[in-house]
Amino acid sequence: MLGVLAAVAFTFLGLLAITFFIGRVVPIDPVLAVVGDRAPRAVYEAARIEMGLDKPLIVQFFDYVGNVLSGDLGMSVSTGKAVAEDLARVFPATLEMATLGIIIGVLLGVPMGVYAASRQGSLLDQVIRVVGLLGYSVPAFWLGLVGLALFYAKLQWVGGPGRLDIFYDGMVDPVTGLILIDSLFAGETDIFFNALSHIALPAAVLGFFSLAYIARMTRSFMLDQLAQEYVTTARVKGVPERLVLWRHAFRPILVPLITVIGLSYAGLLEGSVMIETVFSWPGIGNYLTTALLNADMNAVLGSTLVIGAVFIGINKISDVLYRVLDPRAR
């Protein structure tokens, strides 16, 4: 346990170092972002000293680490609020959408990969492989725009951009920040179904890209297992094909499949910038894009730090699941 905690601490320290030094080498002056490019030289220097940028770089780094560990990520130029407060507000929206996306990806992608491998070369296998290819090649923003034009504008099956209709905005207190859960806790079923109609399409688009990757990797893992002798022996003994697939061949691939699902989930959390932009989704991707356009380095570094911490957390959760599913890893 101590070894795991030490590894997490060193990894997080490395993440802090990378984000800090990248923030210092990019061609953006954080002082100008605060005072503007027409500020007098005296105002510029006073702001530079107040921000601690006159200190040696190593001193700035240790100050940065101390601030982060105390929960202080600085102030956002874009919103005028603390970056930590902004991230606490926008991250649940991304988490909610990415979680629904990965659920769709797992529930559809895993069975698709298993059955594609069991019917290698068949029409079903070819169709699933084409779906996987589309998931790798179709641009996310294009698929999102097509989905909005078809399912929202033409068929009106789903809600439009944003998390809620304007009429419902602000009617539910943000307890968890997850609008689906908060609306149920508040007993507001109308708001719940309205939020569900808004999140359905972006989550489905993310789920499509997720299931394409998961289905492809599941198929690859299953093909390797179905070629093993113990699977052939089980079939010769007359074990039903369903049990051969899900009990004998599927169980050994759970450990590598957890890695695939974990990486896919982390990718949805940090890679949904285009989807959030297309759907005007008030999540961390949209927040990060706005911060980059406004040269808001505190917000950029804070967002990057949160995304990196998510990757670290998901990897460590995967390690724990390894030990639960595979006694040899203990």
Foldseek 3Di string as FASTA:
>chain_A
DVVLVVVLVVLLLVLLVVLLVVLVPPPFDQLCLQQNPPDDPVSSVVSCVVLVVVDDSVVVSVVCVVCVVVVFLDAFSVPRGTLSVLQQQFALLLLLLLVLLLVLLCVPQLVLLLVLLVVPPDPSVVVLLVLLVCLVPPDLLVLLVVCCVPCCVPVNVADAFEQADPVCPPVFDCPNSNQLVRCVVVVNVVRNVRSCRLSVRLSNSLNSSSSSQLSVVSNVQLNVQCPDPVLVVCVVVPPDPVCSRVPRRVLVCVLVSLVSSLVSSLCSSAVCLSSCVSRVYRHLSVQLVVCVVSVGSSNVSVSSSVSSSSSSVSVVVSLVVCCVSPVVSD
